[in-house]
């Protein structure tokens, strides 16, 4: 059975989303038994955000907030 992380890790359009899963350690949760509903934005969608916000997320800023969604 394929899980969310494995499925999206194979897709070059989902790199930022997969990085976020790993950074927030939510990949373990999503790889466990669900069911889960995931709305996963593509790299293009993340690119439309304010220029520095994704870099701040990658630097660990807002990790607790990201985990709460």
N, C-alpha and C. Protein backbone atom coordinates (compact mmCIF):
# COMPACT_ATOMS: atom_id res chain seq x y z
N UNK A 1 0.84 -1.19 0.00
CA UNK A 1 0.00 0.00 0.00
C UNK A 1 0.88 1.24 0.00
N UNK A 2 0.55 2.20 -0.83
CA UNK A 2 1.32 3.44 -0.93
C UNK A 2 0.82 4.44 0.10
N UNK A 3 1.77 5.14 0.72
CA UNK A 3 1.38 6.17 1.68
C UNK A 3 1.59 7.55 1.06
N UNK A 4 1.15 8.58 1.75
CA UNK A 4 1.18 9.95 1.23
C UNK A 4 2.60 10.39 0.89
N UNK A 5 3.54 10.16 1.78
CA UNK A 5 4.90 10.62 1.55
C UNK A 5 5.54 9.90 0.36
N UNK A 6 5.40 8.60 0.29
CA UNK A 6 5.99 7.83 -0.81
C UNK A 6 5.39 8.25 -2.14
N UNK A 7 4.09 8.40 -2.16
CA UNK A 7 3.40 8.79 -3.39
C UNK A 7 3.88 10.15 -3.89
N UNK A 8 3.94 11.14 -3.00
CA UNK A 8 4.32 12.49 -3.41
C UNK A 8 5.82 12.66 -3.62
N UNK A 9 6.64 11.85 -2.96
CA UNK A 9 8.09 11.95 -3.13
C UNK A 9 8.52 11.61 -4.55
N UNK A 10 7.71 10.86 -5.27
CA UNK A 10 8.02 10.48 -6.65
C UNK A 10 7.62 11.55 -7.65
N UNK A 11 6.93 12.57 -7.19
CA UNK A 11 6.38 13.60 -8.07
C UNK A 11 7.19 14.89 -7.96
N UNK A 12 7.87 15.29 -9.02
CA UNK A 12 8.71 16.49 -9.00
C UNK A 12 7.93 17.78 -8.75
N UNK A 13 6.62 17.74 -8.91
CA UNK A 13 5.80 18.92 -8.66
C UNK A 13 5.45 19.08 -7.18
N UNK A 14 5.82 18.10 -6.36
CA UNK A 14 5.44 18.10 -4.95
C UNK A 14 6.62 18.21 -4.00
N UNK A 15 7.76 18.64 -4.48
CA UNK A 15 8.99 18.68 -3.68
C UNK A 15 8.82 19.55 -2.43
N UNK A 16 8.26 20.72 -2.57
CA UNK A 16 8.11 21.62 -1.42
C UNK A 16 7.17 21.01 -0.38
N UNK A 17 6.09 20.39 -0.82
CA UNK A 17 5.15 19.75 0.10
C UNK A 17 5.84 18.63 0.88
N UNK A 18 6.60 17.79 0.19
CA UNK A 18 7.29 16.68 0.86
C UNK A 18 8.33 17.22 1.84
N UNK A 19 9.05 18.28 1.48
CA UNK A 19 10.00 18.90 2.40
C UNK A 19 9.28 19.35 3.67
N UNK A 20 8.09 19.93 3.49
CA UNK A 20 7.31 20.38 4.64
C UNK A 20 6.88 19.24 5.53
N UNK A 21 6.49 18.13 4.93
CA UNK A 21 6.12 16.96 5.73
C UNK A 21 7.30 16.49 6.58
N UNK A 22 8.47 16.45 5.96
CA UNK A 22 9.65 15.98 6.69
C UNK A 22 10.07 16.97 7.76
N UNK A 23 10.03 18.26 7.43
CA UNK A 23 10.45 19.29 8.37
C UNK A 23 9.58 19.31 9.62
N UNK A 24 8.29 19.12 9.44
CA UNK A 24 7.36 19.17 10.57
C UNK A 24 7.17 17.81 11.22
N UNK A 25 7.84 16.81 10.68
CA UNK A 25 7.73 15.42 11.15
C UNK A 25 6.31 14.88 11.05
N UNK A 26 5.55 15.41 10.13
CA UNK A 26 4.19 14.91 9.91
C UNK A 26 4.17 13.69 8.99
N UNK A 27 5.29 13.40 8.36
CA UNK A 27 5.33 12.23 7.47
C UNK A 27 5.05 10.95 8.25
N UNK A 28 5.52 10.86 9.49
CA UNK A 28 5.26 9.67 10.29
C UNK A 28 3.76 9.50 10.54
N UNK A 29 3.10 10.60 10.84
CA UNK A 29 1.66 10.55 11.07
C UNK A 29 0.93 10.12 9.81
N UNK A 30 1.27 10.72 8.68
CA UNK A 30 0.59 10.40 7.44
C UNK A 30 0.95 9.02 6.88
N UNK A 31 2.05 8.46 7.35
CA UNK A 31 2.43 7.13 6.91
C UNK A 31 1.80 6.04 7.78
N UNK A 32 1.14 6.45 8.85
CA UNK A 32 0.46 5.48 9.70
C UNK A 32 -0.93 5.19 9.13
N UNK A 33 -1.65 4.31 9.79
CA UNK A 33 -3.00 3.98 9.32
C UNK A 33 -3.89 5.20 9.38
N UNK A 34 -4.64 5.43 8.33
CA UNK A 34 -5.53 6.58 8.23
C UNK A 34 -6.91 6.21 8.67
N UNK A 35 -7.86 6.70 8.03
CA UNK A 35 -7.77 7.42 6.75
C UNK A 35 -7.42 8.89 6.96
N UNK A 36 -6.82 9.47 5.94
CA UNK A 36 -6.47 10.89 5.94
C UNK A 36 -6.98 11.54 4.66
N UNK A 37 -7.32 12.78 4.76
CA UNK A 37 -7.62 13.59 3.59
C UNK A 37 -6.55 14.67 3.55
N UNK A 38 -5.82 14.74 2.45
CA UNK A 38 -4.72 15.70 2.34
C UNK A 38 -4.93 16.56 1.11
N UNK A 39 -4.93 17.86 1.31
CA UNK A 39 -4.95 18.81 0.21
C UNK A 39 -3.51 19.29 0.05
N UNK A 40 -2.84 18.81 -0.98
CA UNK A 40 -1.41 19.04 -1.14
C UNK A 40 -1.14 20.02 -2.27
N UNK A 41 -0.65 21.22 -1.93
CA UNK A 41 -0.32 22.18 -2.98
C UNK A 41 0.95 21.78 -3.73
N UNK A 42 1.01 22.15 -4.99
CA UNK A 42 2.19 21.88 -5.81
C UNK A 42 3.25 22.94 -5.58
N UNK A 43 4.44 22.71 -6.13
CA UNK A 43 5.52 23.71 -6.05
C UNK A 43 5.06 25.04 -6.63
N UNK A 44 4.30 24.99 -7.71
CA UNK A 44 3.80 26.22 -8.34
C UNK A 44 2.93 27.01 -7.37
N UNK A 45 2.10 26.32 -6.63
CA UNK A 45 1.25 27.00 -5.65
C UNK A 45 2.08 27.64 -4.55
N UNK A 46 3.07 26.91 -4.04
CA UNK A 46 3.94 27.49 -3.02
C UNK A 46 4.69 28.69 -3.58
N UNK A 47 5.02 28.66 -4.86
CA UNK A 47 5.74 29.76 -5.50
C UNK A 47 4.95 31.05 -5.58
N UNK A 48 3.64 30.96 -5.44
CA UNK A 48 2.80 32.16 -5.50
C UNK A 48 2.69 32.85 -4.14
N UNK A 49 3.25 32.26 -3.11
CA UNK A 49 3.25 32.88 -1.78
C UNK A 49 4.25 34.02 -1.74
N UNK A 50 4.17 34.82 -0.71
CA UNK A 50 5.12 35.89 -0.46
C UNK A 50 6.54 35.34 -0.54
N UNK A 51 7.42 36.03 -1.26
CA UNK A 51 8.76 35.55 -1.58
C UNK A 51 9.53 34.84 -0.50
N UNK A 52 9.53 35.32 0.73
CA UNK A 52 10.37 34.72 1.75
C UNK A 52 9.70 33.72 2.66
N UNK A 53 8.40 33.55 2.54
CA UNK A 53 7.70 32.71 3.51
C UNK A 53 8.13 31.25 3.45
N UNK A 54 8.31 30.69 2.27
CA UNK A 54 8.72 29.28 2.17
C UNK A 54 10.13 29.11 2.73
N UNK A 55 11.00 30.08 2.48
CA UNK A 55 12.35 30.02 3.03
C UNK A 55 12.31 30.06 4.55
N UNK A 56 11.41 30.87 5.12
CA UNK A 56 11.25 30.92 6.58
C UNK A 56 10.75 29.59 7.10
N UNK A 57 9.81 28.97 6.40
CA UNK A 57 9.32 27.64 6.81
C UNK A 57 10.46 26.64 6.79
N UNK A 58 11.26 26.67 5.72
CA UNK A 58 12.37 25.72 5.59
C UNK A 58 13.42 25.95 6.67
N UNK A 59 13.52 27.18 7.17
CA UNK A 59 14.47 27.49 8.23
C UNK A 59 13.93 27.10 9.61
N UNK A 60 12.71 26.60 9.65
CA UNK A 60 12.13 26.16 10.92
C UNK A 60 11.22 27.17 11.58
N UNK A 61 11.09 28.34 10.98
CA UNK A 61 10.20 29.34 11.53
C UNK A 61 8.76 28.89 11.27
N UNK A 62 7.92 29.01 12.24
CA UNK A 62 6.50 28.66 12.15
C UNK A 62 6.23 27.16 12.16
N UNK A 63 7.21 26.32 12.50
CA UNK A 63 6.98 24.88 12.51
C UNK A 63 5.79 24.49 13.40
N UNK A 64 5.66 25.03 14.62
CA UNK A 64 4.49 24.65 15.43
C UNK A 64 3.17 25.02 14.76
N UNK A 65 3.13 26.17 14.10
CA UNK A 65 1.91 26.59 13.40
C UNK A 65 1.60 25.67 12.23
N UNK A 66 2.61 25.28 11.49
CA UNK A 66 2.42 24.39 10.35
C UNK A 66 1.92 23.02 10.79
N UNK A 67 2.38 22.55 11.93
CA UNK A 67 1.95 21.24 12.43
C UNK A 67 0.51 21.25 12.90
N UNK A 68 -0.03 22.42 13.19
CA UNK A 68 -1.39 22.48 13.75
C UNK A 68 -2.46 22.43 12.69
N UNK A 69 -2.11 22.53 11.43
CA UNK A 69 -3.13 22.51 10.37
C UNK A 69 -3.57 21.13 10.05
